[in-house]
Amino acid sequence: MTDAEIFGYTKRLGEILKLPPSEQRDQRLTNFMSDLKEAYDIPSGVDQMRDFEWRHSSVMIFYRCAEDAMTFERG
């Protein structure tokens, strides 16, 4: 992840997190996470995810932050 990418994702996530908890905010967080998955090919398997998270911690910091900010019921 380049410095420019870090700056862009930081700015985008910060703008989303300024919104009050709502369906719109959650949808924007979901889109943010989807964009990260697509851009960095984040795996869905548990074992693969552990390895990816270890090798790409900066990407996963953004992903986990967005995930933790979700307010709707996840099942």
N, C-alpha and C. Protein backbone atom coordinates (compact mmCIF):
# COMPACT_ATOMS: atom_id res chain seq x y z
N MET A 1 0.86 -1.17 0.00
CA MET A 1 0.00 0.00 0.00
C MET A 1 0.91 1.23 0.00
N THR A 2 0.67 2.10 -0.96
CA THR A 2 1.50 3.30 -1.07
C THR A 2 1.02 4.38 -0.11
N ASP A 3 1.87 5.39 0.08
CA ASP A 3 1.48 6.52 0.94
C ASP A 3 0.24 7.22 0.40
N ALA A 4 0.14 7.34 -0.91
CA ALA A 4 -1.02 7.99 -1.52
C ALA A 4 -2.30 7.18 -1.26
N GLU A 5 -2.18 5.86 -1.33
CA GLU A 5 -3.34 5.01 -1.05
C GLU A 5 -3.75 5.13 0.42
N ILE A 6 -2.77 5.12 1.31
CA ILE A 6 -3.06 5.27 2.73
C ILE A 6 -3.77 6.59 2.98
N PHE A 7 -3.27 7.66 2.39
CA PHE A 7 -3.90 8.97 2.55
C PHE A 7 -5.34 8.95 2.03
N GLY A 8 -5.53 8.38 0.85
CA GLY A 8 -6.88 8.33 0.25
C GLY A 8 -7.85 7.53 1.08
N TYR A 9 -7.43 6.36 1.55
CA TYR A 9 -8.31 5.53 2.37
C TYR A 9 -8.57 6.17 3.73
N THR A 10 -7.56 6.81 4.30
CA THR A 10 -7.75 7.50 5.58
C THR A 10 -8.78 8.61 5.43
N LYS A 11 -8.66 9.39 4.38
CA LYS A 11 -9.60 10.49 4.14
C LYS A 11 -11.01 9.95 3.91
N ARG A 12 -11.13 8.93 3.07
CA ARG A 12 -12.45 8.37 2.77
C ARG A 12 -13.11 7.78 4.01
N LEU A 13 -12.36 6.99 4.77
CA LEU A 13 -12.93 6.38 5.97
C LEU A 13 -13.29 7.44 6.99
N GLY A 14 -12.45 8.45 7.14
CA GLY A 14 -12.74 9.54 8.07
C GLY A 14 -14.04 10.25 7.73
N GLU A 15 -14.27 10.48 6.44
CA GLU A 15 -15.51 11.13 6.01
C GLU A 15 -16.73 10.27 6.33
N ILE A 16 -16.59 8.98 6.13
CA ILE A 16 -17.70 8.07 6.44
C ILE A 16 -17.99 8.06 7.94
N LEU A 17 -16.93 8.00 8.74
CA LEU A 17 -17.11 7.90 10.19
C LEU A 17 -17.65 9.18 10.82
N LYS A 18 -17.61 10.28 10.10
CA LYS A 18 -18.20 11.53 10.59
C LYS A 18 -19.73 11.48 10.54
N LEU A 19 -20.27 10.59 9.71
CA LEU A 19 -21.71 10.47 9.60
C LEU A 19 -22.27 9.81 10.87
N PRO A 20 -23.49 10.19 11.26
CA PRO A 20 -24.10 9.51 12.41
C PRO A 20 -24.44 8.07 12.02
N PRO A 21 -24.47 7.17 13.00
CA PRO A 21 -24.84 5.78 12.69
C PRO A 21 -26.18 5.74 11.95
N SER A 22 -26.19 5.07 10.81
CA SER A 22 -27.39 4.99 9.99
C SER A 22 -27.18 3.92 8.93
N GLU A 23 -28.27 3.59 8.22
CA GLU A 23 -28.15 2.64 7.12
C GLU A 23 -27.23 3.18 6.03
N GLN A 24 -27.30 4.50 5.79
CA GLN A 24 -26.44 5.11 4.76
C GLN A 24 -24.96 4.96 5.14
N ARG A 25 -24.65 5.22 6.39
CA ARG A 25 -23.26 5.08 6.84
C ARG A 25 -22.81 3.63 6.70
N ASP A 26 -23.65 2.68 7.13
CA ASP A 26 -23.30 1.27 7.02
C ASP A 26 -23.11 0.86 5.56
N GLN A 27 -23.94 1.39 4.67
CA GLN A 27 -23.80 1.07 3.25
C GLN A 27 -22.48 1.60 2.71
N ARG A 28 -22.13 2.80 3.12
CA ARG A 28 -20.85 3.37 2.68
C ARG A 28 -19.67 2.57 3.24
N LEU A 29 -19.79 2.11 4.48
CA LEU A 29 -18.74 1.26 5.07
C LEU A 29 -18.63 -0.05 4.31
N THR A 30 -19.78 -0.63 3.96
CA THR A 30 -19.79 -1.87 3.18
C THR A 30 -19.12 -1.66 1.83
N ASN A 31 -19.41 -0.55 1.17
CA ASN A 31 -18.78 -0.25 -0.12
C ASN A 31 -17.27 -0.07 0.04
N PHE A 32 -16.87 0.60 1.12
CA PHE A 32 -15.45 0.81 1.41
C PHE A 32 -14.74 -0.54 1.57
N MET A 33 -15.36 -1.44 2.34
CA MET A 33 -14.77 -2.76 2.55
C MET A 33 -14.72 -3.56 1.24
N SER A 34 -15.75 -3.45 0.44
CA SER A 34 -15.77 -4.14 -0.86
C SER A 34 -14.67 -3.62 -1.77
N ASP A 35 -14.46 -2.32 -1.76
CA ASP A 35 -13.39 -1.74 -2.57
C ASP A 35 -12.02 -2.24 -2.12
N LEU A 36 -11.82 -2.36 -0.81
CA LEU A 36 -10.56 -2.90 -0.30
C LEU A 36 -10.39 -4.36 -0.73
N LYS A 37 -11.46 -5.15 -0.61
CA LYS A 37 -11.40 -6.56 -1.01
C LYS A 37 -11.00 -6.70 -2.47
N GLU A 38 -11.60 -5.87 -3.31
CA GLU A 38 -11.32 -5.94 -4.74
C GLU A 38 -9.90 -5.45 -5.06
N ALA A 39 -9.52 -4.33 -4.47
CA ALA A 39 -8.22 -3.73 -4.77
C ALA A 39 -7.05 -4.59 -4.29
N TYR A 40 -7.23 -5.26 -3.16
CA TYR A 40 -6.10 -6.00 -2.56
C TYR A 40 -6.33 -7.50 -2.53
N ASP A 41 -7.41 -7.96 -3.16
CA ASP A 41 -7.69 -9.39 -3.25
C ASP A 41 -7.69 -10.05 -1.87
N ILE A 42 -8.45 -9.45 -0.94
CA ILE A 42 -8.54 -9.98 0.42
C ILE A 42 -9.29 -11.31 0.37
N PRO A 43 -8.69 -12.38 0.91
CA PRO A 43 -9.33 -13.70 0.86
C PRO A 43 -10.46 -13.81 1.88
N SER A 44 -11.31 -14.80 1.70
CA SER A 44 -12.41 -15.01 2.64
C SER A 44 -12.18 -16.18 3.59
N GLY A 45 -11.29 -17.09 3.25
CA GLY A 45 -11.00 -18.24 4.11
C GLY A 45 -10.22 -17.84 5.35
N VAL A 46 -10.53 -18.50 6.47
CA VAL A 46 -9.91 -18.15 7.76
C VAL A 46 -8.39 -18.30 7.71
N ASP A 47 -7.90 -19.43 7.25
CA ASP A 47 -6.45 -19.65 7.21
C ASP A 47 -5.76 -18.67 6.26
N GLN A 48 -6.37 -18.45 5.10
CA GLN A 48 -5.79 -17.51 4.14
C GLN A 48 -5.84 -16.09 4.69
N MET A 49 -6.92 -15.78 5.42
CA MET A 49 -7.08 -14.44 5.99
C MET A 49 -5.98 -14.15 7.01
N ARG A 50 -5.66 -15.12 7.84
CA ARG A 50 -4.59 -14.93 8.85
C ARG A 50 -3.27 -14.58 8.17
N ASP A 51 -2.94 -15.33 7.14
CA ASP A 51 -1.69 -15.08 6.42
C ASP A 51 -1.73 -13.72 5.73
N PHE A 52 -2.84 -13.40 5.09
CA PHE A 52 -2.98 -12.11 4.42
C PHE A 52 -2.86 -10.98 5.43
N GLU A 53 -3.54 -11.11 6.56
CA GLU A 53 -3.53 -10.06 7.58
C GLU A 53 -2.11 -9.83 8.11
N TRP A 54 -1.35 -10.89 8.24
CA TRP A 54 0.03 -10.77 8.72
C TRP A 54 0.89 -10.04 7.68
N ARG A 55 0.69 -10.36 6.40
CA ARG A 55 1.51 -9.77 5.34
C ARG A 55 1.06 -8.38 4.91
N HIS A 56 -0.23 -8.06 5.14
CA HIS A 56 -0.79 -6.79 4.67
C HIS A 56 -1.54 -6.09 5.80
N SER A 57 -0.84 -5.86 6.88
CA SER A 57 -1.49 -5.31 8.07
C SER A 57 -2.09 -3.92 7.83
N SER A 58 -1.46 -3.10 7.00
CA SER A 58 -2.00 -1.76 6.76
C SER A 58 -3.36 -1.82 6.06
N VAL A 59 -3.53 -2.74 5.14
CA VAL A 59 -4.83 -2.91 4.46
C VAL A 59 -5.87 -3.36 5.48
N MET A 60 -5.48 -4.31 6.31
CA MET A 60 -6.44 -4.88 7.25
C MET A 60 -6.81 -3.92 8.37
N ILE A 61 -5.96 -2.98 8.69
CA ILE A 61 -6.33 -1.96 9.68
C ILE A 61 -7.54 -1.19 9.17
N PHE A 62 -7.53 -0.79 7.92
CA PHE A 62 -8.67 -0.09 7.34
C PHE A 62 -9.91 -0.99 7.32
N TYR A 63 -9.72 -2.23 6.89
CA TYR A 63 -10.83 -3.16 6.77
C TYR A 63 -11.48 -3.42 8.14
N ARG A 64 -10.67 -3.69 9.15
CA ARG A 64 -11.19 -3.98 10.50
C ARG A 64 -11.84 -2.74 11.13
N CYS A 65 -11.29 -1.58 10.88
CA CYS A 65 -11.86 -0.35 11.41
C CYS A 65 -13.26 -0.14 10.84
N ALA A 66 -13.41 -0.33 9.53
CA ALA A 66 -14.72 -0.19 8.89
C ALA A 66 -15.68 -1.25 9.41
N GLU A 67 -15.20 -2.46 9.54
CA GLU A 67 -16.02 -3.56 10.04
C GLU A 67 -16.52 -3.27 11.46
N ASP A 68 -15.64 -2.78 12.31
CA ASP A 68 -16.01 -2.50 13.69
C ASP A 68 -16.96 -1.31 13.81
N ALA A 69 -16.96 -0.42 12.82
CA ALA A 69 -17.82 0.77 12.86
C ALA A 69 -19.25 0.49 12.41
N MET A 70 -19.49 -0.69 11.87
CA MET A 70 -20.83 -1.04 11.43
C MET A 70 -21.80 -1.03 12.63
N THR A 71 -23.02 -0.59 12.38
CA THR A 71 -23.99 -0.53 13.47
C THR A 71 -25.19 -1.44 13.28
N PHE A 72 -25.39 -1.95 12.06
CA PHE A 72 -26.55 -2.82 11.86
C PHE A 72 -26.27 -4.21 12.40
N GLU A 73 -27.33 -4.98 12.58
CA GLU A 73 -27.19 -6.36 13.06
C GLU A 73 -26.55 -7.21 11.98
N ARG A 74 -25.45 -7.85 12.34
CA ARG A 74 -24.79 -8.78 11.43
C ARG A 74 -25.06 -10.18 11.92
N GLY A 75 -25.47 -11.05 11.02
CA GLY A 75 -25.78 -12.38 11.47
C GLY A 75 -25.06 -13.46 10.76
